[in-house]
Amino acid sequence: MKFNGLVIGIPKEIMEGEKRVAATPETAGKMIKEGALVLVEKGAGEGSYFPNEDYEKQGAQIIENVCKLYAESDIILKVKEPLFNQEVGLHEADMMKKGQYLITFLHPASPANHSVVRQLATKGITALTLDGVPRISRAQAMDALTSMSTVAGYKSVLMAANRLPKFMPMIGTAIGMIQPSVVLVIGSGVAGLQAIATAKRLGAIVNAADIRPDAREQAKSLGAKVVDLGIPPEVAIGEGGYALHLTEEWLLKERKALGEIVSHSDIIILSALVPGKIAPILVTEDMVQNMKTGSVIVDIAIDQGGNCEITEPGKVVEKIGVLIDGTKNIPGMLPSSSTWMFSNNIYNFLSNLVQESSVKDASNQDGKIVIDTEDEIIASSLVTYQGEVVHAGALEAMKMLTRRDGK
């Protein structure tokens, strides 16, 4: 059995507002059938409407003491990066032990997560981040970033519409027509396309911007008017169709091209990401200054630093008359759908890590985690290994901030 002998821990997520959980009773049951002992913190699934009893029916053990769960597990499956647990007075990383494995969304290039990444390395924990899964055919079933982007793109428009002080669609009244809101979606990847589709359904005028020709065509096919950014394809397109990290010279040109449409937009959805890198700043403070009072920005890219210069991570603030939403866990606001997708993605990712014994009768053989750095999926997801930070994007971001701060 593939997971025989492995103890897998599922702690309750402690980020404010986070209702997702890393395993459903269904995926916990799959791991148990493959030989794993699955420990689930009491109440871990309640936010996603999976009660403790459902896990117990699948054979999982419900653990009240989260410190015990961390101490006894070989592998920790989480949704978000380790945080300080107020209830026990310990950081989640401090509850972990040398030789343990962590699989979660770490977003290691984001400056806000550099401290915990270094902490995991110092403790000798092998950490893998799901936002590093490459866009290749073999990895589609593990691609949690795409799954969560689908949720974030949809929900971000609903959040913006809820806070906008005017109608989204054109509304006819006895005293005249109320014009529709103008929505700008920057970044037409999975999240951006879902945002475009949702804004169109709500009756808004939708503009879209992306540096990649294929992404622009997809946005156009959904009814968005495409903004010409003037970035050549050879500069814009990276491996797997993802956007490349632009030089400051090209970023300046992109911001200039966006300037006018930003100033005329009622809602801006920011979802431009570069895999493993800090998100590019595409909307500066000066650009926000030129927006209409009452406009709304939702910065989906905040987990990787954000696309707006003045977004505050995890906060919704009003600045210069514009509401800027830096919510860090938008998929957690649709916990049932997002947990179902995420839990299957992380199960498939774990299955790729664990090597089944080659012995024909493997009933007494333990499953073994193999960190094969030649495997493209593992190599691009690996963050800390053998006491070191090994993630290229995180190392690059750390060096850049060190040079900037002069430390």
Foldseek 3Di string as FASTA:
>chain_A
DQFAPFEEEWEADDPPLFQATQAALVLLLVNVVVHYAYEYEQPNNVSLPRHPVSNVVSPHHYDPDVLVRQVPGQEYEGAEDWQQDPVVRGTPLVSHAANHEYEYAQLLLAPVRVVVLLSCLQRNYWYFHLLLFAQDPVQPLQNLVLLLLLLQLQLVLVVQCVQFPDAQAWDQDPVGIDHHFEEEEEAQDSSSLSNLLNSVVSHHQYEYEALAPVSQVSSVVSPHHYQDLPHDNVQFADPPRAGDDHDPVSLVSNLVSCQPVLQRGQEYEYDRDDRLAQGAANAEPVSVLSHDQRGEYEFQSVSRPTNYPPADACDFDADNNYTYHNRPRSSSVNHNSSNVSSNSSVSVVVSVQWDQDPDPPCPVPRIDGDQDCVPSRSVSGTQHHRSDGDHPNSVVSVVVVCVVVVD
